[in-house]
Amino acid sequence: MTTTLVAIALIAWCIQIIFSWFQIRRFNKAFLALKKGCYLGVGRSKSKRFRPRVLIAISLDENKVVIDSIIMKGITVFALPKSISQLHGLSVSEIIPEKIFPNDLISQSALIVALTANN
């Protein structure tokens, strides 16, 4: 019985590693597909266990205007990168995270980190 439980745990752990690898690949492909500007910022939310984590990547041109962005949000490894169209064309000074994500504190914090990482 113990051997069976250990084997099941080991198989589940290996499956988790494989799915995590696929998730990292999806994010890396989306990140590399961003239109390249003068600044690429990545922000990650700081959340507790069993709450969705958020990754946001933004690309700014030389005038600090958003030319491309992606968000990846979820608890599981099945989260997919999506574009944040509300940000495109806005300058950094015009971006108010509370207006972009009005009911989502986790996404607001990730956006703040992405905007201020190298400023």
PDB file of N, CA and C in Angstrom:
ATOM      1  N   MET A   1       0.826  -1.197   0.000  1.00  0.00           N
ATOM      2  CA  MET A   1       0.000   0.000   0.000  1.00  0.00           C
ATOM      3  C   MET A   1       0.870   1.261   0.000  1.00  0.00           C
ATOM      4  N   THR A   2       1.879   1.280   0.866  1.00  0.00           N
ATOM      5  CA  THR A   2       2.770   2.436   0.935  1.00  0.00           C
ATOM      6  C   THR A   2       3.519   2.631  -0.379  1.00  0.00           C
ATOM      7  N   THR A   3       3.961   1.544  -0.970  1.00  0.00           N
ATOM      8  CA  THR A   3       4.678   1.622  -2.242  1.00  0.00           C
ATOM      9  C   THR A   3       3.781   2.199  -3.329  1.00  0.00           C
ATOM     10  N   THR A   4       2.526   1.812  -3.332  1.00  0.00           N
ATOM     11  CA  THR A   4       1.571   2.333  -4.315  1.00  0.00           C
ATOM     12  C   THR A   4       1.359   3.831  -4.133  1.00  0.00           C
ATOM     13  N   LEU A   5       1.224   4.283  -2.902  1.00  0.00           N
ATOM     14  CA  LEU A   5       1.046   5.716  -2.638  1.00  0.00           C
ATOM     15  C   LEU A   5       2.272   6.516  -3.046  1.00  0.00           C
ATOM     16  N   VAL A   6       3.448   5.977  -2.765  1.00  0.00           N
ATOM     17  CA  VAL A   6       4.692   6.652  -3.169  1.00  0.00           C
ATOM     18  C   VAL A   6       4.785   6.718  -4.685  1.00  0.00           C
ATOM     19  N   ALA A   7       4.431   5.635  -5.348  1.00  0.00           N
ATOM     20  CA  ALA A   7       4.469   5.616  -6.814  1.00  0.00           C
ATOM     21  C   ALA A   7       3.485   6.617  -7.407  1.00  0.00           C
ATOM     22  N   ILE A   8       2.283   6.702  -6.858  1.00  0.00           N
ATOM     23  CA  ILE A   8       1.286   7.674  -7.343  1.00  0.00           C
ATOM     24  C   ILE A   8       1.781   9.101  -7.120  1.00  0.00           C
ATOM     25  N   ALA A   9       2.358   9.372  -5.961  1.00  0.00           N
ATOM     26  CA  ALA A   9       2.892  10.712  -5.681  1.00  0.00           C
ATOM     27  C   ALA A   9       4.025  11.057  -6.634  1.00  0.00           C
ATOM     28  N   LEU A  10       4.886  10.099  -6.928  1.00  0.00           N
ATOM     29  CA  LEU A  10       5.995  10.326  -7.845  1.00  0.00           C
ATOM     30  C   LEU A  10       5.493  10.602  -9.260  1.00  0.00           C
ATOM     31  N   ILE A  11       4.492   9.860  -9.693  1.00  0.00           N
ATOM     32  CA  ILE A  11       3.912  10.083 -11.024  1.00  0.00           C
ATOM     33  C   ILE A  11       3.242  11.458 -11.095  1.00  0.00           C
ATOM     34  N   ALA A  12       2.498  11.826 -10.059  1.00  0.00           N
ATOM     35  CA  ALA A  12       1.853  13.149 -10.034  1.00  0.00           C
ATOM     36  C   ALA A  12       2.892  14.260 -10.057  1.00  0.00           C
ATOM     37  N   TRP A  13       3.981  14.089  -9.345  1.00  0.00           N
ATOM     38  CA  TRP A  13       5.053  15.086  -9.322  1.00  0.00           C
ATOM     39  C   TRP A  13       5.678  15.229 -10.703  1.00  0.00           C
ATOM     40  N   CYS A  14       5.922  14.108 -11.387  1.00  0.00           N
ATOM     41  CA  CYS A  14       6.492  14.154 -12.739  1.00  0.00           C
ATOM     42  C   CYS A  14       5.541  14.837 -13.719  1.00  0.00           C
ATOM     43  N   ILE A  15       4.253  14.559 -13.609  1.00  0.00           N
ATOM     44  CA  ILE A  15       3.267  15.211 -14.470  1.00  0.00           C
ATOM     45  C   ILE A  15       3.255  16.714 -14.217  1.00  0.00           C
ATOM     46  N   GLN A  16       3.349  17.121 -12.961  1.00  0.00           N
ATOM     47  CA  GLN A  16       3.402  18.548 -12.614  1.00  0.00           C
ATOM     48  C   GLN A  16       4.622  19.212 -13.243  1.00  0.00           C
ATOM     49  N   ILE A  17       5.758  18.550 -13.209  1.00  0.00           N
ATOM     50  CA  ILE A  17       6.981  19.094 -13.813  1.00  0.00           C
ATOM     51  C   ILE A  17       6.799  19.276 -15.315  1.00  0.00           C
ATOM     52  N   ILE A  18       6.211  18.295 -15.968  1.00  0.00           N
ATOM     53  CA  ILE A  18       6.000  18.373 -17.419  1.00  0.00           C
ATOM     54  C   ILE A  18       5.046  19.512 -17.769  1.00  0.00           C
ATOM     55  N   PHE A  19       3.917  19.618 -17.057  1.00  0.00           N
ATOM     56  CA  PHE A  19       2.966  20.700 -17.327  1.00  0.00           C
ATOM     57  C   PHE A  19       3.579  22.073 -17.030  1.00  0.00           C
ATOM     58  N   SER A  20       4.379  22.168 -15.996  1.00  0.00           N
ATOM     59  CA  SER A  20       5.053  23.443 -15.683  1.00  0.00           C
ATOM     60  C   SER A  20       6.008  23.828 -16.799  1.00  0.00           C
ATOM     61  N   TRP A  21       6.697  22.864 -17.346  1.00  0.00           N
ATOM     62  CA  TRP A  21       7.616  23.119 -18.451  1.00  0.00           C
ATOM     63  C   TRP A  21       6.852  23.667 -19.660  1.00  0.00           C
ATOM     64  N   PHE A  22       5.675  23.076 -19.954  1.00  0.00           N
ATOM     65  CA  PHE A  22       4.850  23.582 -21.059  1.00  0.00           C
ATOM     66  C   PHE A  22       4.375  25.007 -20.786  1.00  0.00           C
ATOM     67  N   GLN A  23       4.008  25.300 -19.546  1.00  0.00           N
ATOM     68  CA  GLN A  23       3.554  26.650 -19.200  1.00  0.00           C
ATOM     69  C   GLN A  23       4.686  27.657 -19.376  1.00  0.00           C
ATOM     70  N   ILE A  24       5.862  27.328 -18.937  1.00  0.00           N
ATOM     71  CA  ILE A  24       7.011  28.221 -19.098  1.00  0.00           C
ATOM     72  C   ILE A  24       7.305  28.443 -20.572  1.00  0.00           C
ATOM     73  N   ARG A  25       7.213  27.402 -21.375  1.00  0.00           N
ATOM     74  CA  ARG A  25       7.421  27.546 -22.815  1.00  0.00           C
ATOM     75  C   ARG A  25       6.393  28.484 -23.437  1.00  0.00           C
ATOM     76  N   ARG A  26       5.109  28.340 -23.029  1.00  0.00           N
ATOM     77  CA  ARG A  26       4.063  29.232 -23.566  1.00  0.00           C
ATOM     78  C   ARG A  26       4.360  30.684 -23.228  1.00  0.00           C
ATOM     79  N   PHE A  27       4.747  30.944 -21.972  1.00  0.00           N
ATOM     80  CA  PHE A  27       5.042  32.314 -21.584  1.00  0.00           C
ATOM     81  C   PHE A  27       6.269  32.835 -22.339  1.00  0.00           C
ATOM     82  N   ASN A  28       7.310  32.034 -22.453  1.00  0.00           N
ATOM     83  CA  ASN A  28       8.513  32.471 -23.158  1.00  0.00           C
ATOM     84  C   ASN A  28       8.228  32.779 -24.623  1.00  0.00           C
ATOM     85  N   LYS A  29       7.406  31.962 -25.274  1.00  0.00           N
ATOM     86  CA  LYS A  29       7.037  32.234 -26.669  1.00  0.00           C
ATOM     87  C   LYS A  29       6.269  33.543 -26.775  1.00  0.00           C
ATOM     88  N   ALA A  30       5.318  33.758 -25.874  1.00  0.00           N
ATOM     89  CA  ALA A  30       4.542  35.002 -25.893  1.00  0.00           C
ATOM     90  C   ALA A  30       5.443  36.191 -25.595  1.00  0.00           C
ATOM     91  N   PHE A  31       6.379  36.028 -24.660  1.00  0.00           N
ATOM     92  CA  PHE A  31       7.297  37.111 -24.306  1.00  0.00           C
ATOM     93  C   PHE A  31       8.203  37.450 -25.478  1.00  0.00           C
ATOM     94  N   LEU A  32       8.726  36.443 -26.166  1.00  0.00           N
ATOM     95  CA  LEU A  32       9.585  36.684 -27.322  1.00  0.00           C
ATOM     96  C   LEU A  32       8.821  37.261 -28.509  1.00  0.00           C
ATOM     97  N   ALA A  33       7.507  37.029 -28.553  1.00  0.00           N
ATOM     98  CA  ALA A  33       6.683  37.560 -29.638  1.00  0.00           C
ATOM     99  C   ALA A  33       6.263  39.010 -29.402  1.00  0.00           C
ATOM    100  N   LEU A  34       6.525  39.537 -28.204  1.00  0.00           N
ATOM    101  CA  LEU A  34       6.188  40.943 -27.941  1.00  0.00           C
ATOM    102  C   LEU A  34       6.935  41.835 -28.918  1.00  0.00           C
ATOM    103  N   LYS A  35       6.271  42.892 -29.354  1.00  0.00           N
ATOM    104  CA  LYS A  35       6.947  43.879 -30.182  1.00  0.00           C
ATOM    105  C   LYS A  35       8.048  44.497 -29.341  1.00  0.00           C
ATOM    106  N   LYS A  36       9.223  44.488 -29.858  1.00  0.00           N
ATOM    107  CA  LYS A  36      10.374  44.954 -29.082  1.00  0.00           C
ATOM    108  C   LYS A  36      10.432  46.475 -29.048  1.00  0.00           C
ATOM    109  N   GLY A  37      10.528  46.998 -27.869  1.00  0.00           N
ATOM    110  CA  GLY A  37      10.687  48.427 -27.663  1.00  0.00           C
ATOM    111  C   GLY A  37      11.992  48.684 -26.940  1.00  0.00           C
ATOM    112  N   CYS A  38      12.101  49.861 -26.344  1.00  0.00           N
ATOM    113  CA  CYS A  38      13.295  50.215 -25.588  1.00  0.00           C
ATOM    114  C   CYS A  38      13.291  49.586 -24.195  1.00  0.00           C
ATOM    115  N   TYR A  39      12.122  49.185 -23.725  1.00  0.00           N
ATOM    116  CA  TYR A  39      11.999  48.648 -22.372  1.00  0.00           C
ATOM    117  C   TYR A  39      11.027  47.480 -22.369  1.00  0.00           C
ATOM    118  N   LEU A  40      11.437  46.386 -21.792  1.00  0.00           N
ATOM    119  CA  LEU A  40      10.552  45.248 -21.569  1.00  0.00           C
ATOM    120  C   LEU A  40      10.470  45.046 -20.070  1.00  0.00           C
ATOM    121  N   GLY A  41       9.277  45.200 -19.509  1.00  0.00           N
ATOM    122  CA  GLY A  41       9.100  45.033 -18.077  1.00  0.00           C
ATOM    123  C   GLY A  41       8.241  43.821 -17.768  1.00  0.00           C
ATOM    124  N   VAL A  42       8.637  43.090 -16.739  1.00  0.00           N
ATOM    125  CA  VAL A  42       7.872  41.926 -16.304  1.00  0.00           C
ATOM    126  C   VAL A  42       7.533  42.115 -14.837  1.00  0.00           C
ATOM    127  N   GLY A  43       6.269  41.914 -14.512  1.00  0.00           N
ATOM    128  CA  GLY A  43       5.830  42.021 -13.128  1.00  0.00           C
ATOM    129  C   GLY A  43       5.103  40.762 -12.705  1.00  0.00           C
ATOM    130  N   ARG A  44       5.379  40.342 -11.494  1.00  0.00           N
ATOM    131  CA  ARG A  44       4.716  39.156 -10.945  1.00  0.00           C
ATOM    132  C   ARG A  44       4.043  39.544  -9.649  1.00  0.00           C
ATOM    133  N   SER A  45       2.838  39.063  -9.478  1.00  0.00           N
ATOM    134  CA  SER A  45       2.111  39.362  -8.255  1.00  0.00           C
ATOM    135  C   SER A  45       2.670  38.537  -7.110  1.00  0.00           C
ATOM    136  N   LYS A  46       2.512  39.068  -5.926  1.00  0.00           N
ATOM    137  CA  LYS A  46       2.878  38.331  -4.727  1.00  0.00           C
ATOM    138  C   LYS A  46       1.582  37.909  -4.071  1.00  0.00           C
ATOM    139  N   SER A  47       1.251  36.649  -4.268  1.00  0.00           N
ATOM    140  CA  SER A  47       0.002  36.160  -3.704  1.00  0.00           C
ATOM    141  C   SER A  47       0.279  34.937  -2.841  1.00  0.00           C
ATOM    142  N   LYS A  48      -0.705  34.615  -2.061  1.00  0.00           N
ATOM    143  CA  LYS A  48      -0.583  33.480  -1.157  1.00  0.00           C
ATOM    144  C   LYS A  48      -0.925  32.186  -1.876  1.00  0.00           C
ATOM    145  N   ARG A  49      -0.730  31.111  -1.175  1.00  0.00           N
ATOM    146  CA  ARG A  49      -1.029  29.797  -1.729  1.00  0.00           C
ATOM    147  C   ARG A  49      -2.484  29.674  -2.126  1.00  0.00           C
ATOM    148  N   PHE A  50      -2.706  28.932  -3.191  1.00  0.00           N
ATOM    149  CA  PHE A  50      -4.041  28.625  -3.697  1.00  0.00           C
ATOM    150  C   PHE A  50      -4.798  29.873  -4.156  1.00  0.00           C
ATOM    151  N   ARG A  51      -4.079  30.900  -4.515  1.00  0.00           N
ATOM    152  CA  ARG A  51      -4.661  32.089  -5.134  1.00  0.00           C
ATOM    153  C   ARG A  51      -3.995  32.263  -6.484  1.00  0.00           C
ATOM    154  N   PRO A  52      -4.711  32.828  -7.429  1.00  0.00           N
ATOM    155  CA  PRO A  52      -4.097  32.985  -8.755  1.00  0.00           C
ATOM    156  C   PRO A  52      -2.868  33.884  -8.708  1.00  0.00           C
ATOM    157  N   ARG A  53      -1.863  33.503  -9.442  1.00  0.00           N
ATOM    158  CA  ARG A  53      -0.683  34.345  -9.610  1.00  0.00           C
ATOM    159  C   ARG A  53      -0.803  35.013 -10.968  1.00  0.00           C
ATOM    160  N   VAL A  54      -0.203  36.166 -11.075  1.00  0.00           N
ATOM    161  CA  VAL A  54      -0.306  36.937 -12.305  1.00  0.00           C
ATOM    162  C   VAL A  54       1.085  37.330 -12.766  1.00  0.00           C
ATOM    163  N   LEU A  55       1.357  37.116 -14.047  1.00  0.00           N
ATOM    164  CA  LEU A  55       2.565  37.604 -14.702  1.00  0.00           C
ATOM    165  C   LEU A  55       2.124  38.582 -15.780  1.00  0.00           C
ATOM    166  N   ILE A  56       2.728  39.750 -15.777  1.00  0.00           N
ATOM    167  CA  ILE A  56       2.441  40.751 -16.807  1.00  0.00           C
ATOM    168  C   ILE A  56       3.757  41.176 -17.428  1.00  0.00           C
ATOM    169  N   ALA A  57       3.790  41.212 -18.751  1.00  0.00           N
ATOM    170  CA  ALA A  57       4.953  41.704 -19.479  1.00  0.00           C
ATOM    171  C   ALA A  57       4.492  42.842 -20.383  1.00  0.00           C
ATOM    172  N   ILE A  58       5.241  43.939 -20.352  1.00  0.00           N
ATOM    173  CA  ILE A  58       4.899  45.084 -21.203  1.00  0.00           C
ATOM    174  C   ILE A  58       6.132  45.527 -21.984  1.00  0.00           C
ATOM    175  N   SER A  59       5.884  46.058 -23.152  1.00  0.00           N
ATOM    176  CA  SER A  59       6.939  46.587 -24.004  1.00  0.00           C
ATOM    177  C   SER A  59       6.640  48.065 -24.265  1.00  0.00           C
ATOM    178  N   LEU A  60       7.630  48.908 -23.979  1.00  0.00           N
ATOM    179  CA  LEU A  60       7.481  50.354 -24.163  1.00  0.00           C
ATOM    180  C   LEU A  60       8.426  50.836 -25.257  1.00  0.00           C
ATOM    181  N   ASP A  61       7.989  51.855 -26.005  1.00  0.00           N
ATOM    182  CA  ASP A  61       8.882  52.456 -26.985  1.00  0.00           C
ATOM    183  C   ASP A  61       9.743  53.525 -26.324  1.00  0.00           C
ATOM    184  N   GLU A  62      10.487  54.262 -27.119  1.00  0.00           N
ATOM    185  CA  GLU A  62      11.394  55.278 -26.573  1.00  0.00           C
ATOM    186  C   GLU A  62      10.674  56.425 -25.878  1.00  0.00           C
ATOM    187  N   ASN A  63       9.382  56.633 -26.181  1.00  0.00           N
ATOM    188  CA  ASN A  63       8.588  57.684 -25.536  1.00  0.00           C
ATOM    189  C   ASN A  63       7.811  57.172 -24.323  1.00  0.00           C
ATOM    190  N   LYS A  64       8.120  55.965 -23.885  1.00  0.00           N
ATOM    191  CA  LYS A  64       7.449  55.306 -22.756  1.00  0.00           C
ATOM    192  C   LYS A  64       5.955  55.118 -23.005  1.00  0.00           C
ATOM    193  N   VAL A  65       5.634  54.705 -24.230  1.00  0.00           N
ATOM    194  CA  VAL A  65       4.268  54.370 -24.625  1.00  0.00           C
ATOM    195  C   VAL A  65       4.205  52.859 -24.809  1.00  0.00           C
ATOM    196  N   VAL A  66       3.157  52.232 -24.304  1.00  0.00           N
ATOM    197  CA  VAL A  66       3.012  50.775 -24.396  1.00  0.00           C
ATOM    198  C   VAL A  66       2.731  50.384 -25.840  1.00  0.00           C
ATOM    199  N   ILE A  67       3.590  49.529 -26.388  1.00  0.00           N
ATOM    200  CA  ILE A  67       3.377  49.053 -27.755  1.00  0.00           C
ATOM    201  C   ILE A  67       2.881  47.604 -27.780  1.00  0.00           C
ATOM    202  N   ASP A  68       3.083  46.870 -26.689  1.00  0.00           N
ATOM    203  CA  ASP A  68       2.594  45.501 -26.613  1.00  0.00           C
ATOM    204  C   ASP A  68       2.587  45.051 -25.156  1.00  0.00           C
ATOM    205  N   SER A  69       1.742  44.069 -24.846  1.00  0.00           N
ATOM    206  CA  SER A  69       1.660  43.572 -23.468  1.00  0.00           C
ATOM    207  C   SER A  69       1.014  42.197 -23.445  1.00  0.00           C
ATOM    208  N   ILE A  70       1.340  41.429 -22.407  1.00  0.00           N
ATOM    209  CA  ILE A  70       0.687  40.139 -22.186  1.00  0.00           C
ATOM    210  C   ILE A  70       0.435  39.955 -20.694  1.00  0.00           C
ATOM    211  N   ILE A  71      -0.564  39.156 -20.399  1.00  0.00           N
ATOM    212  CA  ILE A  71      -0.886  38.796 -19.022  1.00  0.00           C
ATOM    213  C   ILE A  71      -1.097  37.289 -18.983  1.00  0.00           C
ATOM    214  N   MET A  72      -0.622  36.690 -17.925  1.00  0.00           N
ATOM    215  CA  MET A  72      -0.813  35.267 -17.696  1.00  0.00           C
ATOM    216  C   MET A  72      -1.300  35.127 -16.268  1.00  0.00           C
ATOM    217  N   LYS A  73      -2.516  34.613 -16.103  1.00  0.00           N
ATOM    218  CA  LYS A  73      -3.133  34.582 -14.786  1.00  0.00           C
ATOM    219  C   LYS A  73      -3.777  33.232 -14.543  1.00  0.00           C
ATOM    220  N   GLY A  74      -3.544  32.682 -13.354  1.00  0.00           N
ATOM    221  CA  GLY A  74      -4.202  31.440 -13.010  1.00  0.00           C
ATOM    222  C   GLY A  74      -3.539  30.716 -11.865  1.00  0.00           C
ATOM    223  N   ILE A  75      -4.233  29.715 -11.383  1.00  0.00           N
ATOM    224  CA  ILE A  75      -3.721  28.885 -10.301  1.00  0.00           C
ATOM    225  C   ILE A  75      -2.998  27.682 -10.879  1.00  0.00           C
ATOM    226  N   THR A  76      -3.495  27.161 -11.976  1.00  0.00           N
ATOM    227  CA  THR A  76      -2.963  25.929 -12.534  1.00  0.00           C
ATOM    228  C   THR A  76      -1.967  26.202 -13.647  1.00  0.00           C
ATOM    229  N   VAL A  77      -1.379  25.124 -14.145  1.00  0.00           N
ATOM    230  CA  VAL A  77      -0.422  25.232 -15.242  1.00  0.00           C
ATOM    231  C   VAL A  77      -1.122  25.440 -16.581  1.00  0.00           C
ATOM    232  N   PHE A  78      -2.450  25.508 -16.582  1.00  0.00           N
ATOM    233  CA  PHE A  78      -3.193  25.684 -17.813  1.00  0.00           C
ATOM    234  C   PHE A  78      -3.462  27.149 -18.153  1.00  0.00           C
ATOM    235  N   ALA A  79      -2.892  28.080 -17.399  1.00  0.00           N
ATOM    236  CA  ALA A  79      -3.055  29.505 -17.687  1.00  0.00           C
ATOM    237  C   ALA A  79      -2.390  29.830 -19.025  1.00  0.00           C
ATOM    238  N   LEU A  80      -3.074  30.634 -19.811  1.00  0.00           N
ATOM    239  CA  LEU A  80      -2.569  31.009 -21.133  1.00  0.00           C
ATOM    240  C   LEU A  80      -2.255  32.496 -21.189  1.00  0.00           C
ATOM    241  N   PRO A  81      -1.205  32.887 -21.932  1.00  0.00           N
ATOM    242  CA  PRO A  81      -0.909  34.309 -22.085  1.00  0.00           C
ATOM    243  C   PRO A  81      -1.925  34.993 -22.995  1.00  0.00           C
ATOM    244  N   LYS A  82      -2.363  36.182 -22.569  1.00  0.00           N
ATOM    245  CA  LYS A  82      -3.323  36.970 -23.342  1.00  0.00           C
ATOM    246  C   LYS A  82      -2.818  38.407 -23.426  1.00  0.00           C
ATOM    247  N   SER A  83      -3.243  39.100 -24.455  1.00  0.00           N
ATOM    248  CA  SER A  83      -2.878  40.498 -24.624  1.00  0.00           C
ATOM    249  C   SER A  83      -3.753  41.380 -23.730  1.00  0.00           C
ATOM    250  N   ILE A  84      -3.188  42.496 -23.272  1.00  0.00           N
ATOM    251  CA  ILE A  84      -3.957  43.480 -22.491  1.00  0.00           C
ATOM    252  C   ILE A  84      -4.169  44.686 -23.410  1.00  0.00           C
ATOM    253  N   SER A  85      -5.231  44.651 -24.177  1.00  0.00           N
ATOM    254  CA  SER A  85      -5.453  45.680 -25.199  1.00  0.00           C
ATOM    255  C   SER A  85      -5.714  47.062 -24.610  1.00  0.00           C
ATOM    256  N   GLN A  86      -6.207  47.136 -23.354  1.00  0.00           N
ATOM    257  CA  GLN A  86      -6.474  48.442 -22.745  1.00  0.00           C
ATOM    258  C   GLN A  86      -5.190  49.264 -22.546  1.00  0.00           C
ATOM    259  N   LEU A  87      -4.042  48.595 -22.480  1.00  0.00           N
ATOM    260  CA  LEU A  87      -2.783  49.301 -22.240  1.00  0.00           C
ATOM    261  C   LEU A  87      -2.163  49.864 -23.515  1.00  0.00           C
ATOM    262  N   HIS A  88      -2.459  49.270 -24.645  1.00  0.00           N
ATOM    263  CA  HIS A  88      -1.776  49.634 -25.885  1.00  0.00           C
ATOM    264  C   HIS A  88      -2.047  51.092 -26.263  1.00  0.00           C
ATOM    265  N   GLY A  89      -0.984  51.815 -26.498  1.00  0.00           N
ATOM    266  CA  GLY A  89      -1.088  53.225 -26.867  1.00  0.00           C
ATOM    267  C   GLY A  89      -1.048  54.191 -25.703  1.00  0.00           C
ATOM    268  N   LEU A  90      -1.079  53.693 -24.480  1.00  0.00           N
ATOM    269  CA  LEU A  90      -1.023  54.577 -23.303  1.00  0.00           C
ATOM    270  C   LEU A  90       0.432  54.828 -22.900  1.00  0.00           C
ATOM    271  N   SER A  91       0.699  56.038 -22.454  1.00  0.00           N
ATOM    272  CA  SER A  91       2.028  56.300 -21.898  1.00  0.00           C
ATOM    273  C   SER A  91       2.031  55.837 -20.445  1.00  0.00           C
ATOM    274  N   VAL A  92       3.220  55.642 -19.908  1.00  0.00           N
ATOM    275  CA  VAL A  92       3.350  55.149 -18.531  1.00  0.00           C
ATOM    276  C   VAL A  92       2.643  56.072 -17.549  1.00  0.00           C
ATOM    277  N   SER A  93       2.713  57.373 -17.790  1.00  0.00           N
ATOM    278  CA  SER A  93       2.079  58.326 -16.876  1.00  0.00           C
ATOM    279  C   SER A  93       0.550  58.273 -16.925  1.00  0.00           C
ATOM    280  N   GLU A  94      -0.019  57.745 -18.010  1.00  0.00           N
ATOM    281  CA  GLU A  94      -1.469  57.650 -18.140  1.00  0.00           C
ATOM    282  C   GLU A  94      -2.047  56.356 -17.553  1.00  0.00           C
ATOM    283  N   ILE A  95      -1.189  55.404 -17.256  1.00  0.00           N
ATOM    284  CA  ILE A  95      -1.668  54.097 -16.794  1.00  0.00           C
ATOM    285  C   ILE A  95      -2.011  54.158 -15.314  1.00  0.00           C
ATOM    286  N   ILE A  96      -3.254  53.850 -15.020  1.00  0.00           N
ATOM    287  CA  ILE A  96      -3.727  53.764 -13.640  1.00  0.00           C
ATOM    288  C   ILE A  96      -4.196  52.323 -13.438  1.00  0.00           C
ATOM    289  N   PRO A  97      -3.403  51.524 -12.703  1.00  0.00           N
ATOM    290  CA  PRO A  97      -3.745  50.103 -12.551  1.00  0.00           C
ATOM    291  C   PRO A  97      -5.155  49.856 -12.035  1.00  0.00           C
ATOM    292  N   GLU A  98      -5.667  50.751 -11.190  1.00  0.00           N
ATOM    293  CA  GLU A  98      -7.018  50.581 -10.648  1.00  0.00           C
ATOM    294  C   GLU A  98      -8.084  50.696 -11.734  1.00  0.00           C
ATOM    295  N   LYS A  99      -7.803  51.450 -12.799  1.00  0.00           N
ATOM    296  CA  LYS A  99      -8.764  51.581 -13.898  1.00  0.00           C
ATOM    297  C   LYS A  99      -8.630  50.424 -14.894  1.00  0.00           C
ATOM    298  N   ILE A 100      -7.428  49.915 -15.052  1.00  0.00           N
ATOM    299  CA  ILE A 100      -7.210  48.800 -15.976  1.00  0.00           C
ATOM    300  C   ILE A 100      -7.798  47.512 -15.393  1.00  0.00           C
ATOM    301  N   PHE A 101      -7.553  47.278 -14.108  1.00  0.00           N
ATOM    302  CA  PHE A 101      -8.061  46.090 -13.405  1.00  0.00           C
ATOM    303  C   PHE A 101      -8.842  46.541 -12.175  1.00  0.00           C
ATOM    304  N   PRO A 102     -10.078  47.034 -12.354  1.00  0.00           N
ATOM    305  CA  PRO A 102     -10.810  47.654 -11.245  1.00  0.00           C
ATOM    306  C   PRO A 102     -11.105  46.736 -10.058  1.00  0.00           C
ATOM    307  N   ASN A 103     -11.318  45.464 -10.275  1.00  0.00           N
ATOM    308  CA  ASN A 103     -11.682  44.557  -9.181  1.00  0.00           C
ATOM    309  C   ASN A 103     -10.639  43.466  -8.969  1.00  0.00           C
ATOM    310  N   ASP A 104      -9.408  43.720  -9.378  1.00  0.00           N
ATOM    311  CA  ASP A 104      -8.386  42.677  -9.343  1.00  0.00           C
ATOM    312  C   ASP A 104      -7.087  43.233  -8.757  1.00  0.00           C
ATOM    313  N   LEU A 105      -6.950  43.157  -7.440  1.00  0.00           N
ATOM    314  CA  LEU A 105      -5.769  43.698  -6.753  1.00  0.00           C
ATOM    315  C   LEU A 105      -4.487  42.977  -7.147  1.00  0.00           C
ATOM    316  N   ILE A 106      -4.585  41.697  -7.422  1.00  0.00           N
ATOM    317  CA  ILE A 106      -3.394  40.918  -7.781  1.00  0.00           C
ATOM    318  C   ILE A 106      -2.834  41.396  -9.118  1.00  0.00           C
ATOM    319  N   SER A 107      -3.702  41.608 -10.100  1.00  0.00           N
ATOM    320  CA  SER A 107      -3.255  42.108 -11.401  1.00  0.00           C
ATOM    321  C   SER A 107      -2.730  43.536 -11.290  1.00  0.00           C
ATOM    322  N   GLN A 108      -3.352  44.340 -10.434  1.00  0.00           N
ATOM    323  CA  GLN A 108      -2.870  45.713 -10.217  1.00  0.00           C
ATOM    324  C   GLN A 108      -1.439  45.695  -9.696  1.00  0.00           C
ATOM    325  N   SER A 109      -1.155  44.840  -8.732  1.00  0.00           N
ATOM    326  CA  SER A 109       0.196  44.803  -8.161  1.00  0.00           C
ATOM    327  C   SER A 109       1.207  44.304  -9.183  1.00  0.00           C
ATOM    328  N   ALA A 110       0.850  43.330 -10.022  1.00  0.00           N
ATOM    329  CA  ALA A 110       1.763  42.843 -11.050  1.00  0.00           C
ATOM    330  C   ALA A 110       2.041  43.939 -12.088  1.00  0.00           C
ATOM    331  N   LEU A 111       1.019  44.718 -12.440  1.00  0.00           N
ATOM    332  CA  LEU A 111       1.207  45.809 -13.406  1.00  0.00           C
ATOM    333  C   LEU A 111       2.125  46.872 -12.830  1.00  0.00           C
ATOM    334  N   ILE A 112       1.951  47.206 -11.571  1.00  0.00           N
ATOM    335  CA  ILE A 112       2.823  48.194 -10.928  1.00  0.00           C
ATOM    336  C   ILE A 112       4.276  47.734 -10.957  1.00  0.00           C
ATOM    337  N   VAL A 113       4.504  46.473 -10.654  1.00  0.00           N
ATOM    338  CA  VAL A 113       5.873  45.935 -10.678  1.00  0.00           C
ATOM    339  C   VAL A 113       6.443  45.988 -12.092  1.00  0.00           C
ATOM    340  N   ALA A 114       5.634  45.634 -13.094  1.00  0.00           N
ATOM    341  CA  ALA A 114       6.109  45.642 -14.484  1.00  0.00           C
ATOM    342  C   ALA A 114       6.471  47.054 -14.944  1.00  0.00           C
ATOM    343  N   LEU A 115       5.729  48.043 -14.462  1.00  0.00           N
ATOM    344  CA  LEU A 115       5.989  49.423 -14.873  1.00  0.00           C
ATOM    345  C   LEU A 115       7.179  50.043 -14.150  1.00  0.00           C
ATOM    346  N   THR A 116       7.466  49.594 -12.952  1.00  0.00           N
ATOM    347  CA  THR A 116       8.504  50.250 -12.149  1.00  0.00           C
ATOM    348  C   THR A 116       9.760  49.422 -11.965  1.00  0.00           C
ATOM    349  N   ALA A 117       9.869  48.298 -12.639  1.00  0.00           N
ATOM    350  CA  ALA A 117      11.010  47.402 -12.411  1.00  0.00           C
ATOM    351  C   ALA A 117      12.353  48.057 -12.717  1.00  0.00           C
ATOM    352  N   ASN A 118      12.461  48.775 -13.824  1.00  0.00           N
ATOM    353  CA  ASN A 118      13.759  49.370 -14.192  1.00  0.00           C
ATOM    354  C   ASN A 118      13.728  50.888 -14.260  1.00  0.00           C
ATOM    355  N   ASN A 119      12.727  51.511 -13.696  1.00  0.00           N
ATOM    356  CA  ASN A 119      12.666  52.990 -13.759  1.00  0.00           C
ATOM    357  C   ASN A 119      13.505  53.617 -12.682  1.00  0.00           C
TER     358      ASN A 119
END
